[in-house]
Protein backbone atom coordinates (compact mmCIF):
# COMPACT_ATOMS: atom_id res chain seq x y z
CA MET A 1 -31.05 5.92 -12.89
CA THR A 2 -29.03 3.46 -10.57
CA PHE A 3 -25.59 2.41 -11.88
CA SER A 4 -27.12 -1.01 -12.43
CA ALA A 5 -29.49 0.09 -14.41
CA PHE A 6 -27.24 2.24 -16.63
CA GLN A 7 -24.74 -1.17 -16.69
CA GLU A 8 -28.10 -3.22 -18.32
CA ALA A 9 -29.08 -0.12 -20.88
CA VAL A 10 -25.33 -0.15 -21.87
CA GLU A 11 -25.70 -4.06 -22.39
CA ARG A 12 -28.44 -3.62 -24.54
CA LYS A 13 -26.60 -1.11 -26.49
CA GLU A 14 -29.33 1.85 -25.53
CA PHE A 15 -27.40 5.18 -25.50
CA ALA A 16 -28.61 8.42 -23.80
CA PRO A 17 -27.10 11.35 -25.74
CA VAL A 18 -25.75 12.94 -22.39
CA TYR A 19 -25.03 11.31 -19.51
CA LEU A 20 -24.17 12.92 -16.04
CA PHE A 21 -22.19 10.85 -13.46
CA HIS A 22 -22.30 11.84 -9.61
CA GLY A 23 -22.13 10.51 -6.47
CA ASP A 24 -19.69 9.71 -3.48
CA GLU A 25 -17.53 6.87 -5.23
CA PRO A 26 -15.54 8.49 -7.93
CA TYR A 27 -14.68 4.77 -8.59
CA MET A 28 -17.88 3.90 -9.88
CA ALA A 29 -17.78 7.28 -12.45
CA ARG A 30 -14.45 5.98 -14.04
CA LEU A 31 -15.99 2.37 -14.60
CA GLY A 32 -18.81 4.24 -16.20
CA VAL A 33 -16.85 5.23 -18.70
CA ALA A 34 -14.93 2.71 -19.24
CA LEU A 35 -17.92 0.72 -19.96
CA LEU A 36 -19.41 3.24 -22.55
CA LYS A 37 -15.71 3.64 -24.15
CA ARG A 38 -16.49 -0.09 -24.28
CA ALA A 39 -19.83 -0.29 -25.57
CA VAL A 40 -19.64 2.72 -27.67
CA LEU A 41 -16.45 2.65 -29.69
CA ALA A 42 -15.69 0.27 -32.49
CA PRO A 43 -12.42 -1.76 -31.74
CA GLY A 44 -9.34 0.81 -32.95
CA SER A 45 -11.63 3.69 -33.38
CA GLU A 46 -10.35 5.54 -29.84
CA ALA A 47 -7.88 7.72 -31.44
CA PHE A 48 -10.82 9.13 -34.11
CA ASP A 49 -14.09 9.01 -32.21
CA PHE A 50 -13.16 9.71 -28.43
CA VAL A 51 -11.99 12.55 -26.86
CA SER A 52 -11.44 13.38 -22.87
CA LEU A 53 -11.64 17.08 -21.67
CA ILE A 54 -11.17 18.52 -18.08
CA GLY A 55 -13.88 20.81 -16.88
CA ARG A 56 -11.57 23.83 -15.55
CA GLU A 57 -9.31 23.59 -18.94
CA THR A 58 -11.58 23.62 -21.32
CA THR A 59 -14.32 25.82 -22.77
CA ALA A 60 -18.12 24.86 -23.81
CA GLU A 61 -17.24 25.51 -27.36
CA ALA A 62 -14.65 23.16 -26.83
CA ILE A 63 -17.09 20.57 -25.80
CA VAL A 64 -19.57 21.37 -28.31
CA ALA A 65 -17.59 21.26 -30.83
CA GLN A 66 -16.08 17.65 -29.77
CA ALA A 67 -19.53 15.88 -29.32
CA GLY A 68 -20.57 17.64 -32.59
CA THR A 69 -18.00 15.81 -34.70
CA VAL A 70 -19.33 13.34 -36.93
CA PRO A 71 -18.09 9.77 -36.09
CA MET A 72 -15.34 8.40 -38.48
CA LEU A 73 -15.39 4.74 -37.31
CA SER A 74 -18.11 4.40 -34.99
CA GLU A 75 -21.65 4.58 -35.10
CA SER A 76 -21.56 7.10 -32.16
CA ARG A 77 -18.92 9.67 -31.37
CA LEU A 78 -17.76 9.71 -27.34
CA THR A 79 -16.97 12.99 -25.67
CA VAL A 80 -16.09 12.56 -22.01
CA VAL A 81 -15.74 16.14 -19.45
CA TYR A 82 -14.33 15.18 -16.07
CA GLU A 83 -14.85 17.88 -13.07
CA PHE A 84 -17.29 19.08 -15.38
CA ASP A 85 -18.95 21.11 -12.89
CA GLU A 86 -15.38 23.34 -12.76
CA LEU A 87 -16.41 24.82 -16.27
CA GLY A 88 -15.88 28.78 -16.08
CA ALA A 89 -18.90 30.48 -15.52
CA ALA A 90 -19.10 32.32 -18.86
CA HIS A 91 -19.19 28.87 -20.33
CA ARG A 92 -21.90 27.15 -18.23
CA THR A 93 -25.05 28.66 -20.30
CA LYS A 94 -23.97 27.40 -23.63
CA LEU A 95 -22.96 24.02 -22.02
CA LEU A 96 -26.52 23.67 -20.72
CA ASP A 97 -27.94 25.04 -24.23
CA TYR A 98 -26.22 21.64 -25.57
CA MET A 99 -27.51 19.39 -23.14
CA MET A 100 -30.99 20.81 -23.61
CA SER A 101 -30.67 19.64 -27.78
CA PRO A 102 -27.71 17.22 -28.12
CA VAL A 103 -26.43 16.47 -31.41
CA GLY A 104 -27.55 12.94 -32.82
CA GLY A 105 -24.94 10.21 -33.48
CA SER A 106 -22.95 11.56 -30.19
CA CYS A 107 -22.74 10.66 -26.56
CA LEU A 108 -21.55 13.21 -24.06
CA ALA A 109 -20.52 12.10 -20.65
CA LEU A 110 -20.58 14.32 -18.14
CA VAL A 111 -18.56 13.36 -14.91
CA SER A 112 -18.50 15.06 -11.52
CA PHE A 113 -16.32 13.28 -8.65
CA LYS A 114 -18.73 14.39 -6.07
CA ARG A 115 -22.53 14.86 -5.41
CA LEU A 116 -24.13 17.55 -7.33
CA SER A 117 -26.71 20.20 -5.61
CA THR A 118 -30.25 21.39 -7.18
CA LYS A 119 -29.17 24.45 -4.93
CA ASN A 120 -26.72 25.79 -7.55
CA LYS A 121 -28.42 27.28 -10.91
CA PHE A 122 -25.87 25.60 -13.32
CA GLU A 123 -25.79 22.04 -11.43
CA ARG A 124 -29.57 22.00 -11.36
CA GLY A 125 -30.14 22.29 -14.91
CA ALA A 126 -27.49 19.98 -15.43
CA LEU A 127 -29.40 17.64 -13.68
CA GLU A 128 -32.62 18.12 -15.15
CA SER A 129 -31.24 18.30 -18.78
CA ALA A 130 -29.10 14.63 -18.40
CA THR A 131 -29.44 11.27 -17.57
CA ILE A 132 -28.25 11.03 -14.31
CA VAL A 133 -26.33 7.75 -13.23
CA GLU A 134 -25.95 7.21 -9.46
CA CYS A 135 -22.27 6.55 -8.50
CA ASN A 136 -22.84 5.50 -4.71
CA ARG A 137 -20.59 3.22 -3.06
CA PRO A 138 -22.01 -0.55 -3.33
CA GLY A 139 -22.52 -2.52 0.16
CA GLY A 140 -22.57 -6.30 0.88
CA GLU A 141 -22.78 -8.35 -1.66
CA ALA A 142 -22.57 -6.11 -4.45
CA LEU A 143 -19.40 -4.65 -2.93
CA ALA A 144 -17.99 -8.04 -2.88
CA ALA A 145 -18.88 -8.85 -6.17
CA LEU A 146 -17.46 -5.97 -7.70
CA VAL A 147 -14.01 -6.37 -5.78
CA GLU A 148 -14.08 -9.81 -6.81
CA ARG A 149 -14.21 -8.63 -10.53
CA MET A 150 -11.40 -6.40 -9.76
CA THR A 151 -8.99 -9.01 -8.53
CA SER A 152 -10.00 -11.52 -11.42
CA GLU A 153 -9.02 -8.44 -13.97
CA ARG A 154 -5.51 -8.94 -12.09
CA LYS A 155 -5.85 -12.65 -12.36
CA ILE A 156 -5.73 -12.76 -8.59
CA SER A 157 -8.01 -14.08 -5.95
CA LEU A 158 -7.95 -12.96 -2.21
CA LYS A 159 -9.18 -15.66 0.59
CA PRO A 160 -12.36 -14.54 2.33
CA GLU A 161 -10.72 -13.64 5.65
CA ALA A 162 -8.28 -11.70 3.55
CA LEU A 163 -11.35 -9.62 1.77
CA LEU A 164 -12.68 -9.15 4.84
CA VAL A 165 -9.22 -7.13 6.10
CA LEU A 166 -9.05 -5.07 2.82
CA LEU A 167 -12.60 -4.11 2.94
CA ASP A 168 -12.60 -2.82 6.31
CA TRP A 169 -9.04 -1.19 6.42
CA THR A 170 -10.17 0.76 2.91
CA ASP A 171 -13.79 1.15 4.49
CA GLY A 172 -15.02 -0.01 1.32
CA ARG A 173 -13.61 2.81 -0.68
CA LEU A 174 -13.43 1.44 -3.86
CA ASN A 175 -10.53 3.87 -5.15
CA ARG A 176 -8.32 2.66 -2.32
CA ILE A 177 -9.14 -0.93 -2.81
CA ASP A 178 -8.08 -0.38 -6.28
CA ASN A 179 -4.58 1.10 -5.06
CA GLU A 180 -4.23 -1.55 -2.59
CA LEU A 181 -5.36 -4.07 -4.87
CA ASP A 182 -2.70 -3.06 -7.93
CA LYS A 183 0.29 -2.94 -5.02
CA LEU A 184 -1.11 -6.72 -3.88
CA SER A 185 -0.66 -7.74 -7.31
CA ALA A 186 2.77 -6.51 -7.76
CA TYR A 187 3.54 -8.13 -3.94
CA THR A 188 2.46 -11.66 -4.85
CA GLU A 189 4.70 -11.36 -8.13
CA GLY A 190 2.25 -13.79 -10.14
CA ARG A 191 1.11 -15.79 -7.28
CA GLN A 192 -2.45 -16.08 -7.68
CA ILE A 193 -3.94 -16.69 -3.96
CA VAL A 194 -3.68 -13.90 -1.75
CA THR A 195 -3.47 -14.18 2.22
CA VAL A 196 -4.47 -12.26 5.23
CA ASP A 197 -0.42 -11.66 5.61
CA ASP A 198 -0.06 -10.75 2.56
CA VAL A 199 -2.93 -7.92 2.76
CA GLU A 200 -1.02 -6.71 6.14
CA GLN A 201 2.31 -6.95 4.75
CA VAL A 202 1.13 -4.30 1.76
CA VAL A 203 -0.93 -2.46 3.84
CA GLY A 204 1.18 -2.55 6.92
CA ALA A 205 0.53 -3.71 10.62
CA LYS A 206 -2.43 -0.84 10.41
CA ALA A 207 -5.21 -3.54 9.29
CA SER A 208 -4.31 -6.02 12.50
CA SER A 209 -4.07 -3.32 14.85
CA LEU A 210 -7.63 -2.12 13.84
CA ARG A 211 -8.72 -5.21 15.06
CA ASP A 212 -6.58 -5.50 17.94
CA LEU A 213 -8.67 -2.01 18.84
CA ALA A 214 -11.76 -3.42 18.13
CA LEU A 215 -11.01 -6.13 20.12
CA SER A 216 -9.91 -3.97 23.29
CA VAL A 217 -13.03 -2.24 22.92
CA ALA A 218 -15.49 -5.49 22.61
CA GLU A 219 -13.39 -6.82 25.95
CA ARG A 220 -13.51 -3.24 27.94
CA ARG A 221 -9.74 -2.82 28.04
CA ARG A 222 -9.64 0.70 28.21
CA GLY A 223 -6.04 1.63 28.59
CA ASP A 224 -5.26 -1.21 26.35
CA ALA A 225 -7.35 0.37 23.33
CA LEU A 226 -6.22 3.84 24.01
CA VAL A 227 -2.85 2.34 23.33
CA ARG A 228 -4.21 0.62 20.38
CA LEU A 229 -5.47 4.01 19.03
CA ALA A 230 -2.37 6.18 19.98
CA GLU A 231 -0.66 2.89 17.99
CA LEU A 232 -2.79 3.87 14.81
CA ILE A 233 -2.75 7.56 14.97
CA GLU A 234 1.04 7.22 15.19
CA GLY A 235 0.79 5.07 11.97
CA GLY A 236 -0.77 7.88 9.90
CA VAL A 237 -4.23 6.56 10.25
CA ASP A 238 -6.90 9.44 9.83
CA ALA A 239 -8.53 9.76 13.36
CA ALA A 240 -11.75 10.54 11.98
CA GLN A 241 -12.40 7.21 9.69
CA LEU A 242 -11.69 5.38 13.04
CA VAL A 243 -15.01 6.76 13.79
CA SER A 244 -16.66 4.92 11.32
CA GLN A 245 -14.61 1.78 11.47
CA LEU A 246 -15.10 1.28 15.45
CA TYR A 247 -19.36 1.93 14.35
CA GLY A 248 -19.17 -0.78 12.61
CA CYS A 249 -17.54 -3.11 14.97
CA TRP A 250 -20.30 -1.64 17.61
CA MET A 251 -22.98 -2.62 15.65
CA GLY A 252 -21.49 -5.91 14.69
CA LEU A 253 -21.58 -6.73 18.49
CA TRP A 254 -24.90 -5.58 18.88
CA LEU A 255 -26.03 -7.83 16.52
CA ALA A 256 -24.34 -10.76 17.68
CA ARG A 257 -26.20 -10.09 21.18
CA THR A 258 -29.56 -9.96 19.72
CA ARG A 259 -28.85 -12.29 16.68
CA PRO A 260 -26.59 -15.17 17.56
CA GLU A 261 -26.21 -16.16 13.85
CA SER A 262 -24.31 -12.73 13.20
CA GLY A 263 -21.62 -13.72 14.59
CA ARG A 264 -21.03 -16.38 12.14
CA GLY A 265 -20.63 -14.28 9.07
CA GLY A 266 -23.70 -12.54 8.81
CA GLY A 267 -24.62 -8.87 10.51
CA TRP A 268 -25.08 -5.33 9.34
CA ARG A 269 -21.84 -4.78 7.63
CA SER A 270 -20.40 -8.27 5.84
CA HIS A 271 -16.59 -6.91 6.56
CA HIS A 272 -16.26 -5.89 9.90
CA VAL A 273 -13.17 -6.72 11.58
CA LEU A 274 -14.49 -8.54 14.28
CA LEU A 275 -16.13 -11.48 11.97
CA GLY A 276 -14.95 -14.93 12.94
CA THR A 277 -13.84 -14.19 16.14
CA PRO A 278 -14.76 -17.36 18.34
CA ASP A 279 -16.10 -15.67 21.15
CA LEU A 280 -17.93 -12.68 19.74
CA ARG A 281 -21.21 -13.39 21.26
CA GLU A 282 -19.43 -13.67 24.77
CA MET A 283 -17.90 -10.28 24.30
CA ALA A 284 -20.93 -9.08 23.22
CA LEU A 285 -23.06 -10.20 26.12
CA LEU A 286 -20.48 -7.96 28.36
CA ARG A 287 -23.06 -5.13 27.63
CA THR A 288 -26.99 -4.29 27.97
CA SER A 289 -29.25 -2.95 25.18
CA ARG A 290 -29.09 0.21 27.02
CA GLU A 291 -25.14 0.67 26.79
CA TYR A 292 -25.27 -0.08 23.44
CA ALA A 293 -27.99 2.38 22.84
CA ARG A 294 -25.65 4.92 24.60
CA GLY A 295 -22.65 4.02 22.79
CA ILE A 296 -24.42 4.63 19.46
CA GLY A 297 -25.18 8.52 21.04
CA LEU A 298 -21.26 8.77 21.89
CA PHE A 299 -20.34 7.51 17.93
CA TYR A 300 -23.31 10.40 17.17
CA LYS A 301 -21.36 13.25 19.63
CA ALA A 302 -18.05 12.33 17.90
CA ASP A 303 -19.11 12.73 14.70
CA LEU A 304 -20.73 16.07 15.11
CA ASP A 305 -17.66 17.41 17.11
CA ILE A 306 -15.50 16.63 14.51
CA ARG A 307 -17.81 18.14 11.86
CA LYS A 308 -17.97 21.29 14.13
CA GLY A 309 -14.05 21.42 13.89
CA MET A 310 -13.21 19.66 17.40
CA PRO A 311 -9.77 17.97 17.04
CA PRO A 312 -10.18 14.44 15.91
CA GLU A 313 -7.28 12.97 17.90
CA PRO A 314 -8.82 13.79 21.20
CA THR A 315 -12.62 13.37 20.12
CA VAL A 316 -11.71 9.77 19.10
CA GLY A 317 -10.13 9.48 22.16
CA LEU A 318 -12.80 10.10 24.40
CA LEU A 319 -15.10 7.80 22.33
CA VAL A 320 -12.80 4.98 22.58
CA CYS A 321 -12.89 5.93 26.68
CA GLY A 322 -16.40 5.72 26.65
CA LEU A 323 -16.83 2.53 24.53
CA ALA A 324 -14.29 0.55 26.21
CA GLY A 325 -15.63 1.61 29.64
CA ASP A 326 -19.08 1.85 30.88
CA ALA A 327 -20.82 3.47 28.16
CA ASP A 328 -23.84 4.25 30.57
CA ARG A 329 -21.73 6.76 32.74
CA ALA A 330 -19.79 7.73 29.61
């Protein structure tokens, strides 16, 4: 089921005996466990009706014993096993046996911080036996709404432009957003409104440097773009991450060329770094549709080369050269 469907079921107090959280966004899995704890456990019962285990440090016998314990103060007992897929090979069959016939009045939550594969016999059996909760990264309005919830929990509020900078620099990764919001909350010292300056002070000059790089690429200033790229990498930025960041800017330019309204806050990603640039459409018109298509080919090649083991930094350097120059000849 989707994470939204899981939330709705939990709000209705409809619980499955065995949940399996997996996907590419660990934060969503942790949020799912937190929602279960609030919904399943009676106030003050956590010490009696809840236990948290780690797959590589426990056994199937311990998991089954905990899940089979009668709840004391809550209607159901909640047992959480993080990284359950690292359970020892000798214990996997017994856990699968329990999942096929779980104890009533108990809720077992199995958490993997990666996407499981049906090619693995144990993982396939677990996926077939449990209620699956997909922990994928939300996008668009769903992502903005979730970040707003995260900020309200810290009693702070990000200005729209500050939110755009934060989302762009973190690439929308919720674990990183969560960490940066903790730092922003401490940095503002009780001040509720968080500005772009606050975000750039906490993140460092990297966020604004990424915008400078994107502008240099958009305006075909190849030399300046390479200087900005070097500054980012020297500042500790993962070169491979810049491929996805620049791809968002490239697609934003293409949309600004083909759909004028995208330059005023729309676009394929609501948080790419060039949004709000007054002359975005003028910059977008510097290239033809053919050049944008060739540019997408450059991104594909860079991503493929990095996956094959090519050094990321020179690979991204070549990508920037191609994008900031003439993509038809790159």
